[in-house]
Amino acid sequence: MICGRLLATIVVGGGLAVAAPRTLYRTEFEPMATTLTIRADLSFEGNYYETGQLAPGIERLKKLFSVVYTNGTGTNQATVLFAENYAGSTPTLNLQALTDFLGQSRNLAKVTAIAFINNDTANTLSLTGNFLTRLSGVSVGTESMFVLPGGANVFFAPTTGFKYAVDGTHAVIATDVSTNFDIIILGET
């Protein structure tokens, strides 16, 4: 059995202030403070053995990589969660101009973890963009990072000095093939 999961708990604090409506159909809200707590697990567990033997040789494997991220900008910390599913489109994401699920603008300065999950079982997800040069093995403009059908690429950088920096030259992630995929980003503003 091979499994990977990303469990997220987001605690939203702060008061919700409703401004007087400008029209009968529009109400504006003040931005709320957010707090982030995430546990990211990558687990490999199983047995590998010979069949048909009286005393089969067994290789047992149990390896767990787990990081618990708390709110902040230090080691094992993040301040932003961005998670989105894209189906049937070819999005271009600017990491310095994201909008989270609360409708708040997020201008990332660093990425602490990023996951690309290809939900398509027939097509390869092809990713391009200048932010990918921050990830291992991808060069600018000439290559793509591929996520095979049903697969995932996950990058963790929990330590403060090794987080993936985002700047004007390294902020874009794009796809040129329309597949169904999820992207999950933990980062700092």
C-alpha atoms as a PDB file:
ATOM      1  CA  MET A   1       0.000   0.000   0.000  1.00  0.00           C
ATOM      2  CA  ILE A   2       1.316   3.437  -0.903  1.00  0.00           C
ATOM      3  CA  CYS A   3      -0.520   6.422   0.399  1.00  0.00           C
ATOM      4  CA  GLY A   4       0.011  10.128   0.681  1.00  0.00           C
ATOM      5  CA  ARG A   5      -2.246  12.627   2.325  1.00  0.00           C
ATOM      6  CA  LEU A   6      -2.292  16.256   3.180  1.00  0.00           C
ATOM      7  CA  LEU A   7      -4.543  17.056   6.106  1.00  0.00           C
ATOM      8  CA  ALA A   8      -5.385  20.696   6.625  1.00  0.00           C
ATOM      9  CA  THR A   9      -7.032  22.536   9.447  1.00  0.00           C
ATOM     10  CA  ILE A  10      -7.545  26.232   9.032  1.00  0.00           C
ATOM     11  CA  VAL A  11      -8.630  28.281  11.992  1.00  0.00           C
ATOM     12  CA  VAL A  12     -10.043  31.652  11.124  1.00  0.00           C
ATOM     13  CA  GLY A  13     -10.100  34.217  13.902  1.00  0.00           C
ATOM     14  CA  GLY A  14     -11.019  37.845  14.228  1.00  0.00           C
ATOM     15  CA  GLY A  15     -14.268  39.689  14.037  1.00  0.00           C
ATOM     16  CA  LEU A  16     -16.521  39.863  11.054  1.00  0.00           C
ATOM     17  CA  ALA A  17     -17.593  43.436  10.471  1.00  0.00           C
ATOM     18  CA  VAL A  18     -20.389  44.113   8.021  1.00  0.00           C
ATOM     19  CA  ALA A  19     -20.360  47.518   6.353  1.00  0.00           C
ATOM     20  CA  ALA A  20     -23.575  49.176   5.374  1.00  0.00           C
ATOM     21  CA  PRO A  21     -24.755  47.851   2.008  1.00  0.00           C
ATOM     22  CA  ARG A  22     -24.261  50.242  -0.922  1.00  0.00           C
ATOM     23  CA  THR A  23     -27.046  48.575  -2.848  1.00  0.00           C
ATOM     24  CA  LEU A  24     -29.694  46.073  -1.896  1.00  0.00           C
ATOM     25  CA  TYR A  25     -27.560  43.266  -3.337  1.00  0.00           C
ATOM     26  CA  ARG A  26     -24.057  44.045  -2.109  1.00  0.00           C
ATOM     27  CA  THR A  27     -22.528  43.683   1.338  1.00  0.00           C
ATOM     28  CA  GLU A  28     -18.827  44.280   2.028  1.00  0.00           C
ATOM     29  CA  PHE A  29     -16.792  42.535   4.708  1.00  0.00           C
ATOM     30  CA  GLU A  30     -13.563  43.558   6.374  1.00  0.00           C
ATOM     31  CA  PRO A  31     -10.724  41.058   5.885  1.00  0.00           C
ATOM     32  CA  MET A  32     -10.387  38.628   8.767  1.00  0.00           C
ATOM     33  CA  ALA A  33      -7.213  37.514  10.505  1.00  0.00           C
ATOM     34  CA  THR A  34      -6.228  33.949   9.631  1.00  0.00           C
ATOM     35  CA  THR A  35      -4.278  31.259  11.447  1.00  0.00           C
ATOM     36  CA  LEU A  36      -2.808  28.224   9.708  1.00  0.00           C
ATOM     37  CA  THR A  37      -2.173  24.695  11.026  1.00  0.00           C
ATOM     38  CA  ILE A  38      -1.278  21.951   8.518  1.00  0.00           C
ATOM     39  CA  ARG A  39      -0.009  18.398   8.864  1.00  0.00           C
ATOM     40  CA  ALA A  40       1.563  17.038   5.683  1.00  0.00           C
ATOM     41  CA  ASP A  41       2.220  13.278   5.546  1.00  0.00           C
ATOM     42  CA  LEU A  42       3.901  11.124   2.940  1.00  0.00           C
ATOM     43  CA  SER A  43       3.764   7.446   3.829  1.00  0.00           C
ATOM     44  CA  PHE A  44       5.142   4.290   2.241  1.00  0.00           C
ATOM     45  CA  GLU A  45       4.028   1.105   3.961  1.00  0.00           C
ATOM     46  CA  GLY A  46       3.828  -2.464   2.739  1.00  0.00           C
ATOM     47  CA  ASN A  47       5.395  -5.882   2.184  1.00  0.00           C
ATOM     48  CA  TYR A  48       7.400  -7.245  -0.729  1.00  0.00           C
ATOM     49  CA  TYR A  49       7.805 -11.015  -0.855  1.00  0.00           C
ATOM     50  CA  GLU A  50       8.176 -14.137  -2.972  1.00  0.00           C
ATOM     51  CA  THR A  51       5.008 -16.091  -3.612  1.00  0.00           C
ATOM     52  CA  GLY A  52       4.769 -19.883  -3.666  1.00  0.00           C
ATOM     53  CA  GLN A  53       7.631 -20.504  -1.202  1.00  0.00           C
ATOM     54  CA  LEU A  54       7.349 -22.449   2.055  1.00  0.00           C
ATOM     55  CA  ALA A  55       9.201 -19.716   3.898  1.00  0.00           C
ATOM     56  CA  PRO A  56       8.997 -16.596   1.752  1.00  0.00           C
ATOM     57  CA  GLY A  57      11.518 -13.821   2.161  1.00  0.00           C
ATOM     58  CA  ILE A  58       9.709 -10.679   3.234  1.00  0.00           C
ATOM     59  CA  GLU A  59      10.845  -7.093   2.994  1.00  0.00           C
ATOM     60  CA  ARG A  60       8.743  -4.907   5.261  1.00  0.00           C
ATOM     61  CA  LEU A  61       8.730  -1.218   4.578  1.00  0.00           C
ATOM     62  CA  LYS A  62       7.316   1.493   6.752  1.00  0.00           C
ATOM     63  CA  LYS A  63       8.587   4.990   6.054  1.00  0.00           C
ATOM     64  CA  LEU A  64       6.736   8.119   7.085  1.00  0.00           C
ATOM     65  CA  PHE A  65       7.696  11.679   6.252  1.00  0.00           C
ATOM     66  CA  SER A  66       5.615  14.090   8.272  1.00  0.00           C
ATOM     67  CA  VAL A  67       5.779  17.836   8.785  1.00  0.00           C
ATOM     68  CA  VAL A  68       3.449  19.830  10.996  1.00  0.00           C
ATOM     69  CA  TYR A  69       3.294  23.452   9.917  1.00  0.00           C
ATOM     70  CA  THR A  70       2.125  26.115  12.340  1.00  0.00           C
ATOM     71  CA  ASN A  71       1.338  29.765  11.765  1.00  0.00           C
ATOM     72  CA  GLY A  72       4.416  31.982  11.254  1.00  0.00           C
ATOM     73  CA  THR A  73       7.522  32.493   9.132  1.00  0.00           C
ATOM     74  CA  GLY A  74      10.122  30.274  10.829  1.00  0.00           C
ATOM     75  CA  THR A  75      11.049  26.625  10.478  1.00  0.00           C
ATOM     76  CA  ASN A  76       7.970  24.415   9.901  1.00  0.00           C
ATOM     77  CA  GLN A  77       5.780  27.495   9.593  1.00  0.00           C
ATOM     78  CA  ALA A  78       3.582  29.093   6.933  1.00  0.00           C
ATOM     79  CA  THR A  79       0.990  31.858   6.797  1.00  0.00           C
ATOM     80  CA  VAL A  80      -0.916  31.032   3.598  1.00  0.00           C
ATOM     81  CA  LEU A  81      -2.736  27.988   2.261  1.00  0.00           C
ATOM     82  CA  PHE A  82      -3.792  28.016  -1.393  1.00  0.00           C
ATOM     83  CA  ALA A  83      -5.613  24.938  -2.690  1.00  0.00           C
ATOM     84  CA  GLU A  84      -7.465  24.783  -5.971  1.00  0.00           C
ATOM     85  CA  ASN A  85      -8.774  22.213  -8.419  1.00  0.00           C
ATOM     86  CA  TYR A  86      -8.516  22.951 -12.128  1.00  0.00           C
ATOM     87  CA  ALA A  87     -10.558  20.837 -14.523  1.00  0.00           C
ATOM     88  CA  GLY A  88     -10.677  21.449 -18.248  1.00  0.00           C
ATOM     89  CA  SER A  89      -8.591  24.622 -18.229  1.00  0.00           C
ATOM     90  CA  THR A  90      -5.007  25.732 -18.716  1.00  0.00           C
ATOM     91  CA  PRO A  91      -4.427  28.182 -15.863  1.00  0.00           C
ATOM     92  CA  THR A  92      -1.492  30.510 -15.388  1.00  0.00           C
ATOM     93  CA  LEU A  93      -0.882  31.228 -11.711  1.00  0.00           C
ATOM     94  CA  ASN A  94       1.077  34.211 -10.490  1.00  0.00           C
ATOM     95  CA  LEU A  95       2.229  33.390  -6.961  1.00  0.00           C
ATOM     96  CA  GLN A  96       2.386  37.104  -6.210  1.00  0.00           C
ATOM     97  CA  ALA A  97      -1.303  37.565  -7.083  1.00  0.00           C
ATOM     98  CA  LEU A  98      -3.280  34.639  -5.668  1.00  0.00           C
ATOM     99  CA  THR A  99      -6.745  34.821  -4.120  1.00  0.00           C
ATOM    100  CA  ASP A 100      -7.384  32.298  -1.325  1.00  0.00           C
ATOM    101  CA  PHE A 101     -10.674  30.541  -0.570  1.00  0.00           C
ATOM    102  CA  LEU A 102     -11.645  33.423   1.747  1.00  0.00           C
ATOM    103  CA  GLY A 103     -11.372  35.852  -1.164  1.00  0.00           C
ATOM    104  CA  GLN A 104      -8.254  37.494   0.254  1.00  0.00           C
ATOM    105  CA  SER A 105      -5.358  38.495  -1.999  1.00  0.00           C
ATOM    106  CA  ARG A 106      -2.099  36.712  -1.205  1.00  0.00           C
ATOM    107  CA  ASN A 107       1.270  37.907  -2.481  1.00  0.00           C
ATOM    108  CA  LEU A 108       3.656  35.046  -1.683  1.00  0.00           C
ATOM    109  CA  ALA A 109       7.273  35.774  -0.812  1.00  0.00           C
ATOM    110  CA  LYS A 110       8.227  32.142  -0.099  1.00  0.00           C
ATOM    111  CA  VAL A 111       6.794  28.693  -0.746  1.00  0.00           C
ATOM    112  CA  THR A 112       7.303  26.120   2.016  1.00  0.00           C
ATOM    113  CA  ALA A 113       5.486  23.229   0.320  1.00  0.00           C
ATOM    114  CA  ILE A 114       3.833  22.715  -3.034  1.00  0.00           C
ATOM    115  CA  ALA A 115       1.964  19.716  -4.452  1.00  0.00           C
ATOM    116  CA  PHE A 116       0.750  19.050  -7.989  1.00  0.00           C
ATOM    117  CA  ILE A 117      -1.775  16.176  -8.074  1.00  0.00           C
ATOM    118  CA  ASN A 118      -2.870  14.892 -11.483  1.00  0.00           C
ATOM    119  CA  ASN A 119      -6.430  13.563 -11.130  1.00  0.00           C
ATOM    120  CA  ASP A 120      -6.543  12.661 -14.841  1.00  0.00           C
ATOM    121  CA  THR A 121      -5.927   8.948 -15.394  1.00  0.00           C
ATOM    122  CA  ALA A 122      -5.200   9.280 -19.122  1.00  0.00           C
ATOM    123  CA  ASN A 123      -3.260  12.540 -19.665  1.00  0.00           C
ATOM    124  CA  THR A 124       0.068  13.803 -18.380  1.00  0.00           C
ATOM    125  CA  LEU A 125       0.044  17.177 -16.633  1.00  0.00           C
ATOM    126  CA  SER A 126       2.671  19.443 -18.182  1.00  0.00           C
ATOM    127  CA  LEU A 127       3.772  22.395 -16.026  1.00  0.00           C
ATOM    128  CA  THR A 128       5.846  25.350 -17.155  1.00  0.00           C
ATOM    129  CA  GLY A 129       6.660  28.770 -15.735  1.00  0.00           C
ATOM    130  CA  ASN A 130       9.576  30.605 -14.224  1.00  0.00           C
ATOM    131  CA  PHE A 131       8.813  29.598 -10.590  1.00  0.00           C
ATOM    132  CA  LEU A 132       9.632  25.982 -11.478  1.00  0.00           C
ATOM    133  CA  THR A 133      13.305  26.963 -11.794  1.00  0.00           C
ATOM    134  CA  ARG A 134      13.241  27.156  -7.978  1.00  0.00           C
ATOM    135  CA  LEU A 135      12.412  23.446  -7.860  1.00  0.00           C
ATOM    136  CA  SER A 136      15.100  20.863  -8.503  1.00  0.00           C
ATOM    137  CA  GLY A 137      15.944  19.864 -12.056  1.00  0.00           C
ATOM    138  CA  VAL A 138      13.859  22.309 -14.071  1.00  0.00           C
ATOM    139  CA  SER A 139      15.459  24.916 -16.325  1.00  0.00           C
ATOM    140  CA  VAL A 140      13.978  28.169 -17.598  1.00  0.00           C
ATOM    141  CA  GLY A 141      11.735  28.194 -20.646  1.00  0.00           C
ATOM    142  CA  THR A 142      12.992  25.083 -22.378  1.00  0.00           C
ATOM    143  CA  GLU A 143      11.632  22.291 -20.210  1.00  0.00           C
ATOM    144  CA  SER A 144       8.451  21.336 -18.451  1.00  0.00           C
ATOM    145  CA  MET A 145       7.838  19.437 -15.267  1.00  0.00           C
ATOM    146  CA  PHE A 146       5.566  16.467 -15.865  1.00  0.00           C
ATOM    147  CA  VAL A 147       3.111  14.776 -13.528  1.00  0.00           C
ATOM    148  CA  LEU A 148       2.120  11.399 -14.931  1.00  0.00           C
ATOM    149  CA  PRO A 149      -1.547  10.319 -15.084  1.00  0.00           C
ATOM    150  CA  GLY A 150      -2.806   9.627 -11.557  1.00  0.00           C
ATOM    151  CA  GLY A 151       0.503  10.826 -10.094  1.00  0.00           C
ATOM    152  CA  ALA A 152       1.739  13.640  -7.895  1.00  0.00           C
ATOM    153  CA  ASN A 153       4.842  15.785  -7.489  1.00  0.00           C
ATOM    154  CA  VAL A 154       5.365  17.140  -3.974  1.00  0.00           C
ATOM    155  CA  PHE A 155       8.101  19.498  -2.782  1.00  0.00           C
ATOM    156  CA  PHE A 156       8.745  20.335   0.876  1.00  0.00           C
ATOM    157  CA  ALA A 157      11.082  23.061   2.136  1.00  0.00           C
ATOM    158  CA  PRO A 158      10.199  23.404   5.818  1.00  0.00           C
ATOM    159  CA  THR A 159      13.495  24.897   7.027  1.00  0.00           C
ATOM    160  CA  THR A 160      13.654  28.697   7.106  1.00  0.00           C
ATOM    161  CA  GLY A 161      16.864  29.079   5.078  1.00  0.00           C
ATOM    162  CA  PHE A 162      15.767  26.734   2.306  1.00  0.00           C
ATOM    163  CA  LYS A 163      12.244  27.842   1.438  1.00  0.00           C
ATOM    164  CA  TYR A 164      11.550  28.468  -2.262  1.00  0.00           C
ATOM    165  CA  ALA A 165      11.765  32.231  -2.856  1.00  0.00           C
ATOM    166  CA  VAL A 166       9.156  33.997  -4.979  1.00  0.00           C
ATOM    167  CA  ASP A 167      10.061  37.229  -6.749  1.00  0.00           C
ATOM    168  CA  GLY A 168       9.165  39.116  -9.921  1.00  0.00           C
ATOM    169  CA  THR A 169      11.382  36.806 -11.972  1.00  0.00           C
ATOM    170  CA  HIS A 170      10.216  33.572 -10.327  1.00  0.00           C
ATOM    171  CA  ALA A 171       6.457  33.807  -9.718  1.00  0.00           C
ATOM    172  CA  VAL A 172       4.569  32.017 -12.515  1.00  0.00           C
ATOM    173  CA  ILE A 173       3.295  28.444 -12.824  1.00  0.00           C
ATOM    174  CA  ALA A 174       1.391  27.513 -15.985  1.00  0.00           C
ATOM    175  CA  THR A 175       0.056  24.438 -17.722  1.00  0.00           C
ATOM    176  CA  ASP A 176      -0.271  23.975 -21.447  1.00  0.00           C
ATOM    177  CA  VAL A 177      -2.395  20.813 -21.342  1.00  0.00           C
ATOM    178  CA  SER A 178      -5.988  20.780 -20.126  1.00  0.00           C
ATOM    179  CA  THR A 179      -6.202  18.128 -17.408  1.00  0.00           C
ATOM    180  CA  ASN A 180      -7.966  17.769 -14.080  1.00  0.00           C
ATOM    181  CA  PHE A 181      -5.438  18.572 -11.366  1.00  0.00           C
ATOM    182  CA  ASP A 182      -5.101  19.962  -7.863  1.00  0.00           C
ATOM    183  CA  ILE A 183      -2.471  22.373  -6.646  1.00  0.00           C
ATOM    184  CA  ILE A 184      -1.758  22.894  -2.966  1.00  0.00           C
ATOM    185  CA  ILE A 185       0.631  25.631  -1.857  1.00  0.00           C
ATOM    186  CA  LEU A 186       1.814  26.499   1.642  1.00  0.00           C
ATOM    187  CA  GLY A 187       3.718  29.746   1.805  1.00  0.00           C
ATOM    188  CA  GLU A 188       4.524  33.041   3.431  1.00  0.00           C
ATOM    189  CA  THR A 189       3.563  36.569   2.476  1.00  0.00           C
END
